[in-house]
Amino acid sequence: MPGVELFVEETIGVTDAAQIPKQRGDQLLDSAVRYAEERHWDVFPGTWLEAHEGVERCSCGAACALPGAHHARPDWAEQATGSVTVARRLWSKQPRASILLPTGRTFDALDVPESAGFLALARMERMELTLGPVTCTPDRRMLFFVLPGAGAKVPDLVRKLGWAPTSIDLVARGEGDYVAAPPTRLGGMGAVQWARRPTPANRWLPDAEELISPLAYACGREAAAERARRP
């Protein structure tokens, strides 16, 4: 079955670089179905990339910030489905559509800069913390999947650790938002990949409170380094 090794092929290590895989319709359909079937995640199809005079552009027709990786219709929240049958039908209609996962339902995501994310991830692994899936995006972000409700908790958790929430680049993505899932491509930059792939071992997600300390610390270091680089 095409894509049976998808989660392995699109995983990157903490220190290892990975070749960006090509995005094929069979990969997208198979992945969307597997997310619904194996993880019980809601999925919905977004925009896709179209070749125009040798240049890939977003199917929305605009100069958007997330070409090929944003919602294609305003009622996307209602379109999101956990049904394997419906997911298969949706991607059969548009095999190139990006795979988008609504947050605030079965998971939220803690969104941080990639450099801070890898620093935090290495520290979490040394601490043997329980981790959920983690993605890396082509625009150099990392997203840590946690239990729903993180959006309401994170600002106070960050304050308790001594940082102002607005002073560090750590965003909780919850209800009303969504994330792109592998192997969705973002413009010409490459594909979303797994830094930690979904496995039976990480089916049960951590609470944001369990991860916030190493993430906030890494984001705080990144913010301090950025301030030091400014003239």
C-alpha atoms as a PDB file:
ATOM      1  CA  MET A   1       0.000   0.000   0.000  1.00  0.00           C
ATOM      2  CA  PRO A   2       1.572   3.370  -0.997  1.00  0.00           C
ATOM      3  CA  GLY A   3       2.771   5.458   1.919  1.00  0.00           C
ATOM      4  CA  VAL A   4       2.864   2.601   4.423  1.00  0.00           C
ATOM      5  CA  GLU A   5       6.237   3.859   5.665  1.00  0.00           C
ATOM      6  CA  LEU A   6       5.154   7.487   5.557  1.00  0.00           C
ATOM      7  CA  PHE A   7       5.617   8.326   9.219  1.00  0.00           C
ATOM      8  CA  VAL A   8       9.136   6.877   9.190  1.00  0.00           C
ATOM      9  CA  GLU A   9      10.191   8.494   5.934  1.00  0.00           C
ATOM     10  CA  GLU A  10       9.092  11.922   7.028  1.00  0.00           C
ATOM     11  CA  THR A  11      10.645  11.908  10.469  1.00  0.00           C
ATOM     12  CA  ILE A  12      13.781  13.889  11.184  1.00  0.00           C
ATOM     13  CA  GLY A  13      16.069  13.461  14.143  1.00  0.00           C
ATOM     14  CA  VAL A  14      17.039  16.113  16.660  1.00  0.00           C
ATOM     15  CA  THR A  15      20.431  16.509  15.044  1.00  0.00           C
ATOM     16  CA  ASP A  16      19.988  14.900  11.617  1.00  0.00           C
ATOM     17  CA  ALA A  17      19.040  16.766   8.473  1.00  0.00           C
ATOM     18  CA  ALA A  18      16.448  15.184   6.196  1.00  0.00           C
ATOM     19  CA  GLN A  19      15.813  15.285   2.490  1.00  0.00           C
ATOM     20  CA  ILE A  20      12.493  16.952   1.734  1.00  0.00           C
ATOM     21  CA  PRO A  21      10.215  14.283   0.244  1.00  0.00           C
ATOM     22  CA  LYS A  22       8.121  14.956  -2.816  1.00  0.00           C
ATOM     23  CA  GLN A  23       4.439  15.481  -2.202  1.00  0.00           C
ATOM     24  CA  ARG A  24       2.269  13.038  -4.117  1.00  0.00           C
ATOM     25  CA  GLY A  25      -1.478  12.673  -4.157  1.00  0.00           C
ATOM     26  CA  ASP A  26      -1.290   9.105  -2.877  1.00  0.00           C
ATOM     27  CA  GLN A  27       0.839  10.234   0.068  1.00  0.00           C
ATOM     28  CA  LEU A  28      -1.643  12.937   0.994  1.00  0.00           C
ATOM     29  CA  LEU A  29      -4.722  10.743   0.734  1.00  0.00           C
ATOM     30  CA  ASP A  30      -3.080   7.877   2.608  1.00  0.00           C
ATOM     31  CA  SER A  31      -1.784  10.211   5.313  1.00  0.00           C
ATOM     32  CA  ALA A  32      -5.140  11.937   5.832  1.00  0.00           C
ATOM     33  CA  VAL A  33      -6.864   8.558   6.157  1.00  0.00           C
ATOM     34  CA  ARG A  34      -4.242   7.284   8.592  1.00  0.00           C
ATOM     35  CA  TYR A  35      -4.512  10.362  10.813  1.00  0.00           C
ATOM     36  CA  ALA A  36      -8.272   9.827  11.057  1.00  0.00           C
ATOM     37  CA  GLU A  37      -8.093   6.058  11.426  1.00  0.00           C
ATOM     38  CA  GLU A  38      -5.042   5.546  13.630  1.00  0.00           C
ATOM     39  CA  ARG A  39      -4.920   8.764  15.666  1.00  0.00           C
ATOM     40  CA  HIS A  40      -8.620   9.696  15.623  1.00  0.00           C
ATOM     41  CA  TRP A  41      -7.644  13.225  14.568  1.00  0.00           C
ATOM     42  CA  ASP A  42     -10.091  15.372  12.637  1.00  0.00           C
ATOM     43  CA  VAL A  43      -8.723  16.352   9.229  1.00  0.00           C
ATOM     44  CA  PHE A  44      -9.786  18.707   6.468  1.00  0.00           C
ATOM     45  CA  PRO A  45      -8.364  19.546   3.042  1.00  0.00           C
ATOM     46  CA  GLY A  46      -6.827  22.942   2.485  1.00  0.00           C
ATOM     47  CA  THR A  47      -5.350  24.718  -0.503  1.00  0.00           C
ATOM     48  CA  TRP A  48      -2.729  23.146  -2.772  1.00  0.00           C
ATOM     49  CA  LEU A  49       0.094  24.192  -5.054  1.00  0.00           C
ATOM     50  CA  GLU A  50      -0.423  24.739  -8.768  1.00  0.00           C
ATOM     51  CA  ALA A  51       2.241  25.219 -11.422  1.00  0.00           C
ATOM     52  CA  HIS A  52       1.843  28.458 -13.367  1.00  0.00           C
ATOM     53  CA  GLU A  53       4.473  29.322 -15.996  1.00  0.00           C
ATOM     54  CA  GLY A  54       6.992  27.181 -14.183  1.00  0.00           C
ATOM     55  CA  VAL A  55       6.246  28.687 -10.766  1.00  0.00           C
ATOM     56  CA  GLU A  56       4.265  26.988  -8.024  1.00  0.00           C
ATOM     57  CA  ARG A  57       1.463  29.146  -6.676  1.00  0.00           C
ATOM     58  CA  CYS A  58      -1.266  28.673  -4.128  1.00  0.00           C
ATOM     59  CA  SER A  59      -4.593  27.451  -5.459  1.00  0.00           C
ATOM     60  CA  CYS A  60      -6.298  30.390  -3.703  1.00  0.00           C
ATOM     61  CA  GLY A  61      -4.904  32.677  -6.399  1.00  0.00           C
ATOM     62  CA  ALA A  62      -3.563  35.249  -3.949  1.00  0.00           C
ATOM     63  CA  ALA A  63      -0.093  36.120  -2.715  1.00  0.00           C
ATOM     64  CA  CYS A  64      -0.823  34.450   0.611  1.00  0.00           C
ATOM     65  CA  ALA A  65       1.498  33.885   3.560  1.00  0.00           C
ATOM     66  CA  LEU A  66       1.035  30.095   3.566  1.00  0.00           C
ATOM     67  CA  PRO A  67       0.889  29.058  -0.103  1.00  0.00           C
ATOM     68  CA  GLY A  68      -0.615  25.609  -0.425  1.00  0.00           C
ATOM     69  CA  ALA A  69      -1.133  25.173   3.310  1.00  0.00           C
ATOM     70  CA  HIS A  70      -4.128  27.167   4.525  1.00  0.00           C
ATOM     71  CA  HIS A  71      -7.870  26.617   4.641  1.00  0.00           C
ATOM     72  CA  ALA A  72      -9.703  26.750   1.335  1.00  0.00           C
ATOM     73  CA  ARG A  73     -13.152  27.708   2.615  1.00  0.00           C
ATOM     74  CA  PRO A  74     -14.516  29.772   5.509  1.00  0.00           C
ATOM     75  CA  ASP A  75     -16.469  26.864   6.988  1.00  0.00           C
ATOM     76  CA  TRP A  76     -13.368  24.717   7.411  1.00  0.00           C
ATOM     77  CA  ALA A  77     -14.200  23.961  11.058  1.00  0.00           C
ATOM     78  CA  GLU A  78     -17.472  22.328  10.023  1.00  0.00           C
ATOM     79  CA  GLN A  79     -15.755  20.498   7.160  1.00  0.00           C
ATOM     80  CA  ALA A  80     -13.193  18.839   9.451  1.00  0.00           C
ATOM     81  CA  THR A  81     -13.950  15.154   9.873  1.00  0.00           C
ATOM     82  CA  GLY A  82     -12.762  12.167  11.849  1.00  0.00           C
ATOM     83  CA  SER A  83     -14.452   9.760   9.435  1.00  0.00           C
ATOM     84  CA  VAL A  84     -12.095   7.605   7.403  1.00  0.00           C
ATOM     85  CA  THR A  85     -14.700   7.270   4.651  1.00  0.00           C
ATOM     86  CA  VAL A  86     -15.264  11.032   4.397  1.00  0.00           C
ATOM     87  CA  ALA A  87     -11.524  11.771   4.518  1.00  0.00           C
ATOM     88  CA  ARG A  88     -10.901   9.325   1.681  1.00  0.00           C
ATOM     89  CA  ARG A  89     -13.678  10.936  -0.363  1.00  0.00           C
ATOM     90  CA  LEU A  90     -12.419  14.483   0.238  1.00  0.00           C
ATOM     91  CA  TRP A  91      -8.850  13.741  -0.886  1.00  0.00           C
ATOM     92  CA  SER A  92     -10.051  11.589  -3.761  1.00  0.00           C
ATOM     93  CA  LYS A  93     -11.801  14.711  -5.076  1.00  0.00           C
ATOM     94  CA  GLN A  94      -8.670  16.857  -4.698  1.00  0.00           C
ATOM     95  CA  PRO A  95      -5.594  14.631  -4.232  1.00  0.00           C
ATOM     96  CA  ARG A  96      -3.187  17.592  -3.973  1.00  0.00           C
ATOM     97  CA  ALA A  97      -5.002  19.331  -1.112  1.00  0.00           C
ATOM     98  CA  SER A  98      -2.943  20.034   1.969  1.00  0.00           C
ATOM     99  CA  ILE A  99      -3.739  18.114   5.158  1.00  0.00           C
ATOM    100  CA  LEU A 100      -4.868  20.436   7.935  1.00  0.00           C
ATOM    101  CA  LEU A 101      -5.660  19.404  11.521  1.00  0.00           C
ATOM    102  CA  PRO A 102      -7.935  21.569  13.693  1.00  0.00           C
ATOM    103  CA  THR A 103      -6.492  22.298  17.128  1.00  0.00           C
ATOM    104  CA  GLY A 104      -8.570  22.538  20.279  1.00  0.00           C
ATOM    105  CA  ARG A 105     -10.254  19.184  19.702  1.00  0.00           C
ATOM    106  CA  THR A 106      -8.033  16.152  20.302  1.00  0.00           C
ATOM    107  CA  PHE A 107      -4.881  18.233  20.754  1.00  0.00           C
ATOM    108  CA  ASP A 108      -3.431  21.734  20.979  1.00  0.00           C
ATOM    109  CA  ALA A 109       0.009  22.687  19.679  1.00  0.00           C
ATOM    110  CA  LEU A 110       2.804  24.712  21.291  1.00  0.00           C
ATOM    111  CA  ASP A 111       4.400  26.640  18.427  1.00  0.00           C
ATOM    112  CA  VAL A 112       8.017  27.811  18.849  1.00  0.00           C
ATOM    113  CA  PRO A 113      10.989  28.803  16.662  1.00  0.00           C
ATOM    114  CA  GLU A 114      12.808  25.795  15.248  1.00  0.00           C
ATOM    115  CA  SER A 115      16.128  26.538  16.961  1.00  0.00           C
ATOM    116  CA  ALA A 116      14.437  26.867  20.347  1.00  0.00           C
ATOM    117  CA  GLY A 117      12.355  23.773  19.636  1.00  0.00           C
ATOM    118  CA  PHE A 118      15.357  21.547  18.944  1.00  0.00           C
ATOM    119  CA  LEU A 119      17.123  22.864  22.052  1.00  0.00           C
ATOM    120  CA  ALA A 120      14.042  22.149  24.157  1.00  0.00           C
ATOM    121  CA  LEU A 121      13.480  18.752  22.544  1.00  0.00           C
ATOM    122  CA  ALA A 122      17.022  17.619  23.350  1.00  0.00           C
ATOM    123  CA  ARG A 123      16.568  18.756  26.933  1.00  0.00           C
ATOM    124  CA  MET A 124      13.187  17.008  27.216  1.00  0.00           C
ATOM    125  CA  GLU A 125      14.684  13.763  25.963  1.00  0.00           C
ATOM    126  CA  ARG A 126      17.493  13.972  28.528  1.00  0.00           C
ATOM    127  CA  MET A 127      14.835  14.560  31.195  1.00  0.00           C
ATOM    128  CA  GLU A 128      12.903  11.561  29.823  1.00  0.00           C
ATOM    129  CA  LEU A 129       9.715  13.581  29.621  1.00  0.00           C
ATOM    130  CA  THR A 130       6.660  12.032  28.001  1.00  0.00           C
ATOM    131  CA  LEU A 131       6.302  13.643  24.593  1.00  0.00           C
ATOM    132  CA  GLY A 132       3.618  13.638  21.955  1.00  0.00           C
ATOM    133  CA  PRO A 133       4.180  14.071  18.217  1.00  0.00           C
ATOM    134  CA  VAL A 134       6.267  17.068  17.130  1.00  0.00           C
ATOM    135  CA  THR A 135       6.354  18.638  13.679  1.00  0.00           C
ATOM    136  CA  CYS A 136       8.892  20.841  11.912  1.00  0.00           C
ATOM    137  CA  THR A 137       7.606  23.282   9.315  1.00  0.00           C
ATOM    138  CA  PRO A 138       9.504  24.688   6.326  1.00  0.00           C
ATOM    139  CA  ASP A 139       9.198  28.221   7.737  1.00  0.00           C
ATOM    140  CA  ARG A 140      11.402  27.068  10.638  1.00  0.00           C
ATOM    141  CA  ARG A 141       8.827  26.465  13.346  1.00  0.00           C
ATOM    142  CA  MET A 142       8.319  23.466  15.617  1.00  0.00           C
ATOM    143  CA  LEU A 143       4.963  22.400  17.002  1.00  0.00           C
ATOM    144  CA  PHE A 144       4.626  20.191  20.079  1.00  0.00           C
ATOM    145  CA  PHE A 145       1.287  18.379  20.335  1.00  0.00           C
ATOM    146  CA  VAL A 146      -0.253  18.559  23.821  1.00  0.00           C
ATOM    147  CA  LEU A 147      -3.632  18.027  25.441  1.00  0.00           C
ATOM    148  CA  PRO A 148      -6.391  20.508  24.526  1.00  0.00           C
ATOM    149  CA  GLY A 149      -6.719  23.550  26.755  1.00  0.00           C
ATOM    150  CA  ALA A 150      -3.145  24.798  26.417  1.00  0.00           C
ATOM    151  CA  GLY A 151      -4.239  28.166  25.069  1.00  0.00           C
ATOM    152  CA  ALA A 152      -5.869  29.109  28.355  1.00  0.00           C
ATOM    153  CA  LYS A 153      -2.962  27.877  30.483  1.00  0.00           C
ATOM    154  CA  VAL A 154       0.186  28.957  28.691  1.00  0.00           C
ATOM    155  CA  PRO A 155       0.241  32.727  29.429  1.00  0.00           C
ATOM    156  CA  ASP A 156      -0.006  32.160  33.203  1.00  0.00           C
ATOM    157  CA  LEU A 157       2.476  29.282  33.083  1.00  0.00           C
ATOM    158  CA  VAL A 158       4.992  31.479  31.259  1.00  0.00           C
ATOM    159  CA  ARG A 159       4.509  34.301  33.784  1.00  0.00           C
ATOM    160  CA  LYS A 160       5.116  31.905  36.687  1.00  0.00           C
ATOM    161  CA  LEU A 161       8.437  30.982  35.084  1.00  0.00           C
ATOM    162  CA  GLY A 162       9.477  34.641  35.059  1.00  0.00           C
ATOM    163  CA  TRP A 163       8.797  35.699  31.475  1.00  0.00           C
ATOM    164  CA  ALA A 164       6.241  38.060  30.033  1.00  0.00           C
ATOM    165  CA  PRO A 165       4.217  36.072  27.466  1.00  0.00           C
ATOM    166  CA  THR A 166       4.810  38.768  24.860  1.00  0.00           C
ATOM    167  CA  SER A 167       8.581  38.715  25.368  1.00  0.00           C
ATOM    168  CA  ILE A 168       9.152  35.171  24.074  1.00  0.00           C
ATOM    169  CA  ASP A 169       8.041  33.546  20.840  1.00  0.00           C
ATOM    170  CA  LEU A 170       5.887  30.755  22.257  1.00  0.00           C
ATOM    171  CA  VAL A 171       2.335  30.467  20.961  1.00  0.00           C
ATOM    172  CA  ALA A 172      -0.373  28.020  22.023  1.00  0.00           C
ATOM    173  CA  ARG A 173      -2.575  27.063  19.091  1.00  0.00           C
ATOM    174  CA  GLY A 174      -5.959  25.829  20.268  1.00  0.00           C
ATOM    175  CA  GLU A 175      -9.655  26.185  19.521  1.00  0.00           C
ATOM    176  CA  GLY A 176     -10.387  27.990  16.276  1.00  0.00           C
ATOM    177  CA  ASP A 177      -6.945  27.337  14.802  1.00  0.00           C
ATOM    178  CA  TYR A 178      -5.318  24.531  12.829  1.00  0.00           C
ATOM    179  CA  VAL A 179      -1.909  23.144  11.892  1.00  0.00           C
ATOM    180  CA  ALA A 180      -0.552  21.613   8.700  1.00  0.00           C
ATOM    181  CA  ALA A 181       0.391  17.941   8.874  1.00  0.00           C
ATOM    182  CA  PRO A 182       3.056  16.003   6.955  1.00  0.00           C
ATOM    183  CA  PRO A 183       3.537  15.675   4.020  1.00  0.00           C
ATOM    184  CA  THR A 184       1.895  19.057   3.288  1.00  0.00           C
ATOM    185  CA  ARG A 185       4.174  21.406   1.381  1.00  0.00           C
ATOM    186  CA  LEU A 186       4.492  25.111   2.087  1.00  0.00           C
ATOM    187  CA  GLY A 187       5.162  26.926  -1.161  1.00  0.00           C
ATOM    188  CA  GLY A 188       8.618  26.252  -2.532  1.00  0.00           C
ATOM    189  CA  MET A 189      10.165  25.938   0.929  1.00  0.00           C
ATOM    190  CA  GLY A 190       9.537  22.242   1.416  1.00  0.00           C
ATOM    191  CA  ALA A 191       7.282  19.920   3.372  1.00  0.00           C
ATOM    192  CA  VAL A 192       6.102  19.728   6.948  1.00  0.00           C
ATOM    193  CA  GLN A 193       7.922  16.813   8.597  1.00  0.00           C
ATOM    194  CA  TRP A 194       7.848  14.866  11.820  1.00  0.00           C
ATOM    195  CA  ALA A 195      10.566  15.564  14.376  1.00  0.00           C
ATOM    196  CA  ARG A 196       8.817  12.959  16.531  1.00  0.00           C
ATOM    197  CA  ARG A 197       6.403  10.828  14.560  1.00  0.00           C
ATOM    198  CA  PRO A 198       3.047   9.562  15.843  1.00  0.00           C
ATOM    199  CA  THR A 199       3.447   6.095  17.385  1.00  0.00           C
ATOM    200  CA  PRO A 200       1.376   3.932  19.731  1.00  0.00           C
ATOM    201  CA  ALA A 201       3.781   4.994  22.496  1.00  0.00           C
ATOM    202  CA  ASN A 202       2.827   8.682  22.243  1.00  0.00           C
ATOM    203  CA  ARG A 203      -0.899   8.242  21.695  1.00  0.00           C
ATOM    204  CA  TRP A 204      -1.491   9.790  25.142  1.00  0.00           C
ATOM    205  CA  LEU A 205      -0.427  13.420  24.961  1.00  0.00           C
ATOM    206  CA  PRO A 206       1.324  15.409  27.682  1.00  0.00           C
ATOM    207  CA  ASP A 207      -0.241  18.431  29.336  1.00  0.00           C
ATOM    208  CA  ALA A 208       1.232  21.798  28.332  1.00  0.00           C
ATOM    209  CA  GLU A 209       2.371  22.255  31.931  1.00  0.00           C
ATOM    210  CA  GLU A 210       4.742  19.287  31.576  1.00  0.00           C
ATOM    211  CA  LEU A 211       6.606  20.843  28.629  1.00  0.00           C
ATOM    212  CA  ILE A 212       6.370  24.551  29.307  1.00  0.00           C
ATOM    213  CA  SER A 213       9.533  24.922  31.376  1.00  0.00           C
ATOM    214  CA  PRO A 214      12.058  23.637  28.770  1.00  0.00           C
ATOM    215  CA  LEU A 215      10.154  25.348  25.970  1.00  0.00           C
ATOM    216  CA  ALA A 216       9.961  28.706  27.722  1.00  0.00           C
ATOM    217  CA  TYR A 217      13.625  28.452  28.739  1.00  0.00           C
ATOM    218  CA  ALA A 218      14.702  27.754  25.144  1.00  0.00           C
ATOM    219  CA  CYS A 219      12.493  30.542  23.775  1.00  0.00           C
ATOM    220  CA  GLY A 220      13.829  32.905  26.442  1.00  0.00           C
ATOM    221  CA  ARG A 221      17.400  32.133  25.400  1.00  0.00           C
ATOM    222  CA  GLU A 222      16.475  32.704  21.773  1.00  0.00           C
ATOM    223  CA  ALA A 223      14.859  36.059  22.585  1.00  0.00           C
ATOM    224  CA  ALA A 224      17.900  37.152  24.608  1.00  0.00           C
ATOM    225  CA  ALA A 225      20.263  36.153  21.794  1.00  0.00           C
ATOM    226  CA  GLU A 226      18.157  38.079  19.293  1.00  0.00           C
ATOM    227  CA  ARG A 227      18.250  41.201  21.469  1.00  0.00           C
ATOM    228  CA  ALA A 228      22.026  40.871  21.797  1.00  0.00           C
ATOM    229  CA  ARG A 229      22.416  40.757  18.000  1.00  0.00           C
ATOM    230  CA  ARG A 230      20.599  44.036  17.527  1.00  0.00           C
ATOM    231  CA  PRO A 231      22.802  47.132  17.131  1.00  0.00           C
END
